[in-house]
């Protein structure tokens, strides 16, 4: 019933959160590699 739907949405949210977290970590590493200019760009992006 509704419980299964709720479960799938929670799973989807966790998956999205995980992917976003991965992207942000990658972005942070990229910023650290490139320097402060990218960090400024990141702050603008966020």
PDB file of N, CA and C in Angstrom:
ATOM      1  N   UNK A   1       0.824  -1.218   0.000  1.00  0.00           N
ATOM      2  CA  UNK A   1       0.000   0.000   0.000  1.00  0.00           C
ATOM      3  C   UNK A   1       0.850   1.256   0.000  1.00  0.00           C
ATOM      4  N   UNK A   2       0.504   2.196   0.851  1.00  0.00           N
ATOM      5  CA  UNK A   2       1.210   3.478   0.896  1.00  0.00           C
ATOM      6  C   UNK A   2       2.600   3.324   1.505  1.00  0.00           C
ATOM      7  N   UNK A   3       2.767   2.335   2.386  1.00  0.00           N
ATOM      8  CA  UNK A   3       4.057   2.145   3.056  1.00  0.00           C
ATOM      9  C   UNK A   3       5.158   1.851   2.043  1.00  0.00           C
ATOM     10  N   UNK A   4       4.835   1.032   1.034  1.00  0.00           N
ATOM     11  CA  UNK A   4       5.835   0.696   0.018  1.00  0.00           C
ATOM     12  C   UNK A   4       6.208   1.931  -0.781  1.00  0.00           C
ATOM     13  N   UNK A   5       5.223   2.770  -1.097  1.00  0.00           N
ATOM     14  CA  UNK A   5       5.486   4.009  -1.840  1.00  0.00           C
ATOM     15  C   UNK A   5       6.406   4.903  -1.014  1.00  0.00           C
ATOM     16  N   UNK A   6       6.098   5.016   0.268  1.00  0.00           N
ATOM     17  CA  UNK A   6       6.908   5.841   1.164  1.00  0.00           C
ATOM     18  C   UNK A   6       8.338   5.311   1.210  1.00  0.00           C
ATOM     19  N   UNK A   7       8.467   3.996   1.239  1.00  0.00           N
ATOM     20  CA  UNK A   7       9.775   3.371   1.302  1.00  0.00           C
ATOM     21  C   UNK A   7      10.589   3.704   0.051  1.00  0.00           C
ATOM     22  N   UNK A   8       9.953   3.623  -1.104  1.00  0.00           N
ATOM     23  CA  UNK A   8      10.662   3.893  -2.356  1.00  0.00           C
ATOM     24  C   UNK A   8      11.077   5.347  -2.433  1.00  0.00           C
ATOM     25  N   UNK A   9      10.229   6.255  -1.982  1.00  0.00           N
ATOM     26  CA  UNK A   9      10.578   7.678  -2.023  1.00  0.00           C
ATOM     27  C   UNK A   9      11.755   7.962  -1.102  1.00  0.00           C
ATOM     28  N   UNK A  10      11.759   7.329   0.080  1.00  0.00           N
ATOM     29  CA  UNK A  10      12.878   7.507   1.015  1.00  0.00           C
ATOM     30  C   UNK A  10      14.158   6.995   0.373  1.00  0.00           C
ATOM     31  N   UNK A  11      14.065   5.836  -0.271  1.00  0.00           N
ATOM     32  CA  UNK A  11      15.236   5.273  -0.938  1.00  0.00           C
ATOM     33  C   UNK A  11      15.732   6.215  -2.020  1.00  0.00           C
ATOM     34  N   UNK A  12      14.788   6.772  -2.766  1.00  0.00           N
ATOM     35  CA  UNK A  12      15.154   7.687  -3.853  1.00  0.00           C
ATOM     36  C   UNK A  12      15.834   8.928  -3.281  1.00  0.00           C
ATOM     37  N   UNK A  13      15.306   9.439  -2.185  1.00  0.00           N
ATOM     38  CA  UNK A  13      15.899  10.626  -1.554  1.00  0.00           C
ATOM     39  C   UNK A  13      17.314  10.318  -1.067  1.00  0.00           C
ATOM     40  N   UNK A  14      17.486   9.129  -0.476  1.00  0.00           N
ATOM     41  CA  UNK A  14      18.820   8.735  -0.006  1.00  0.00           C
ATOM     42  C   UNK A  14      19.783   8.647  -1.176  1.00  0.00           C
ATOM     43  N   UNK A  15      19.299   8.073  -2.296  1.00  0.00           N
ATOM     44  CA  UNK A  15      20.143   7.930  -3.481  1.00  0.00           C
ATOM     45  C   UNK A  15      20.544   9.295  -4.022  1.00  0.00           C
ATOM     46  N   UNK A  16      19.572  10.203  -4.087  1.00  0.00           N
ATOM     47  CA  UNK A  16      19.845  11.556  -4.578  1.00  0.00           C
ATOM     48  C   UNK A  16      20.827  12.263  -3.654  1.00  0.00           C
ATOM     49  N   UNK A  17      20.592  12.149  -2.350  1.00  0.00           N
ATOM     50  CA  UNK A  17      21.480  12.781  -1.372  1.00  0.00           C
ATOM     51  C   UNK A  17      22.893  12.230  -1.499  1.00  0.00           C
ATOM     52  N   UNK A  18      22.991  10.921  -1.722  1.00  0.00           N
ATOM     53  CA  UNK A  18      24.298  10.287  -1.849  1.00  0.00           C
ATOM     54  C   UNK A  18      25.019  10.799  -3.092  1.00  0.00           C
ATOM     55  N   UNK A  19      24.284  10.877  -4.204  1.00  0.00           N
ATOM     56  CA  UNK A  19      24.890  11.337  -5.460  1.00  0.00           C
ATOM     57  C   UNK A  19      25.325  12.794  -5.331  1.00  0.00           C
ATOM     58  N   UNK A  20      24.479  13.615  -4.684  1.00  0.00           N
ATOM     59  CA  UNK A  20      24.820  15.033  -4.490  1.00  0.00           C
ATOM     60  C   UNK A  20      26.067  15.143  -3.620  1.00  0.00           C
ATOM     61  N   UNK A  21      26.110  14.312  -2.568  1.00  0.00           N
ATOM     62  CA  UNK A  21      27.256  14.332  -1.664  1.00  0.00           C
ATOM     63  C   UNK A  21      28.526  13.973  -2.431  1.00  0.00           C
ATOM     64  N   UNK A  22      28.422  12.950  -3.291  1.00  0.00           N
ATOM     65  CA  UNK A  22      29.571  12.531  -4.088  1.00  0.00           C
ATOM     66  C   UNK A  22      30.030  13.668  -4.993  1.00  0.00           C
ATOM     67  N   UNK A  23      29.067  14.340  -5.621  1.00  0.00           N
ATOM     68  CA  UNK A  23      29.394  15.435  -6.528  1.00  0.00           C
ATOM     69  C   UNK A  23      30.067  16.580  -5.789  1.00  0.00           C
ATOM     70  N   UNK A  24      29.547  16.907  -4.598  1.00  0.00           N
ATOM     71  CA  UNK A  24      30.117  18.009  -3.822  1.00  0.00           C
ATOM     72  C   UNK A  24      31.530  17.656  -3.367  1.00  0.00           C
ATOM     73  N   UNK A  25      31.751  16.406  -2.968  1.00  0.00           N
ATOM     74  CA  UNK A  25      33.092  15.980  -2.552  1.00  0.00           C
ATOM     75  C   UNK A  25      34.042  16.116  -3.730  1.00  0.00           C
ATOM     76  N   UNK A  26      33.592  15.660  -4.901  1.00  0.00           N
ATOM     77  CA  UNK A  26      34.424  15.752  -6.097  1.00  0.00           C
ATOM     78  C   UNK A  26      34.719  17.214  -6.408  1.00  0.00           C
ATOM     79  N   UNK A  27      33.699  18.038  -6.257  1.00  0.00           N
ATOM     80  CA  UNK A  27      33.821  19.468  -6.557  1.00  0.00           C
ATOM     81  C   UNK A  27      34.804  20.119  -5.587  1.00  0.00           C
ATOM     82  N   UNK A  28      34.733  19.726  -4.304  1.00  0.00           N
ATOM     83  CA  UNK A  28      35.662  20.262  -3.302  1.00  0.00           C
ATOM     84  C   UNK A  28      37.096  19.876  -3.632  1.00  0.00           C
ATOM     85  N   UNK A  29      37.295  18.613  -4.035  1.00  0.00           N
ATOM     86  CA  UNK A  29      38.632  18.167  -4.406  1.00  0.00           C
ATOM     87  C   UNK A  29      39.131  18.951  -5.611  1.00  0.00           C
ATOM     88  N   UNK A  30      38.240  19.165  -6.575  1.00  0.00           N
ATOM     89  CA  UNK A  30      38.588  19.919  -7.770  1.00  0.00           C
ATOM     90  C   UNK A  30      38.959  21.350  -7.405  1.00  0.00           C
ATOM     91  N   UNK A  31      38.195  21.936  -6.488  1.00  0.00           N
ATOM     92  CA  UNK A  31      38.460  23.298  -6.048  1.00  0.00           C
ATOM     93  C   UNK A  31      39.816  23.375  -5.337  1.00  0.00           C
ATOM     94  N   UNK A  32      40.071  22.383  -4.492  1.00  0.00           N
ATOM     95  CA  UNK A  32      41.350  22.358  -3.773  1.00  0.00           C
ATOM     96  C   UNK A  32      42.500  22.215  -4.764  1.00  0.00           C
ATOM     97  N   UNK A  33      42.266  21.453  -5.815  1.00  0.00           N
ATOM     98  CA  UNK A  33      43.304  21.250  -6.824  1.00  0.00           C
ATOM     99  C   UNK A  33      43.536  22.521  -7.631  1.00  0.00           C
ATOM    100  N   UNK A  34      42.434  23.199  -7.978  1.00  0.00           N
ATOM    101  CA  UNK A  34      42.536  24.375  -8.841  1.00  0.00           C
ATOM    102  C   UNK A  34      42.918  25.631  -8.070  1.00  0.00           C
ATOM    103  N   UNK A  35      42.382  25.781  -6.869  1.00  0.00           N
ATOM    104  CA  UNK A  35      42.744  26.948  -6.080  1.00  0.00           C
ATOM    105  C   UNK A  35      41.538  27.747  -5.623  1.00  0.00           C
ATOM    106  N   UNK A  36      41.808  28.940  -5.107  1.00  0.00           N
ATOM    107  CA  UNK A  36      40.753  29.739  -4.493  1.00  0.00           C
ATOM    108  C   UNK A  36      39.744  30.249  -5.513  1.00  0.00           C
ATOM    109  N   UNK A  37      40.159  30.460  -6.743  1.00  0.00           N
ATOM    110  CA  UNK A  37      39.260  30.984  -7.777  1.00  0.00           C
ATOM    111  C   UNK A  37      38.054  30.076  -7.955  1.00  0.00           C
ATOM    112  N   UNK A  38      38.279  28.743  -7.921  1.00  0.00           N
ATOM    113  CA  UNK A  38      37.175  27.807  -8.067  1.00  0.00           C
ATOM    114  C   UNK A  38      36.297  27.812  -6.820  1.00  0.00           C
ATOM    115  N   UNK A  39      36.911  28.016  -5.656  1.00  0.00           N
ATOM    116  CA  UNK A  39      36.130  28.078  -4.423  1.00  0.00           C
ATOM    117  C   UNK A  39      35.160  29.250  -4.474  1.00  0.00           C
ATOM    118  N   UNK A  40      35.609  30.376  -5.004  1.00  0.00           N
ATOM    119  CA  UNK A  40      34.729  31.533  -5.160  1.00  0.00           C
ATOM    120  C   UNK A  40      33.584  31.166  -6.103  1.00  0.00           C
ATOM    121  N   UNK A  41      33.915  30.474  -7.184  1.00  0.00           N
ATOM    122  CA  UNK A  41      32.888  30.021  -8.120  1.00  0.00           C
ATOM    123  C   UNK A  41      31.918  29.061  -7.458  1.00  0.00           C
ATOM    124  N   UNK A  42      32.433  28.200  -6.566  1.00  0.00           N
ATOM    125  CA  UNK A  42      31.588  27.249  -5.850  1.00  0.00           C
ATOM    126  C   UNK A  42      30.618  27.976  -4.934  1.00  0.00           C
ATOM    127  N   UNK A  43      31.112  28.988  -4.216  1.00  0.00           N
ATOM    128  CA  UNK A  43      30.253  29.740  -3.307  1.00  0.00           C
ATOM    129  C   UNK A  43      29.139  30.434  -4.095  1.00  0.00           C
ATOM    130  N   UNK A  44      29.465  30.890  -5.289  1.00  0.00           N
ATOM    131  CA  UNK A  44      28.450  31.495  -6.136  1.00  0.00           C
ATOM    132  C   UNK A  44      27.435  30.460  -6.593  1.00  0.00           C
ATOM    133  N   UNK A  45      27.932  29.235  -6.892  1.00  0.00           N
ATOM    134  CA  UNK A  45      27.058  28.154  -7.344  1.00  0.00           C
ATOM    135  C   UNK A  45      26.091  27.747  -6.242  1.00  0.00           C
ATOM    136  N   UNK A  46      26.612  27.653  -5.006  1.00  0.00           N
ATOM    137  CA  UNK A  46      25.769  27.266  -3.873  1.00  0.00           C
ATOM    138  C   UNK A  46      24.971  28.495  -3.431  1.00  0.00           C
TER     139      UNK A  46
END
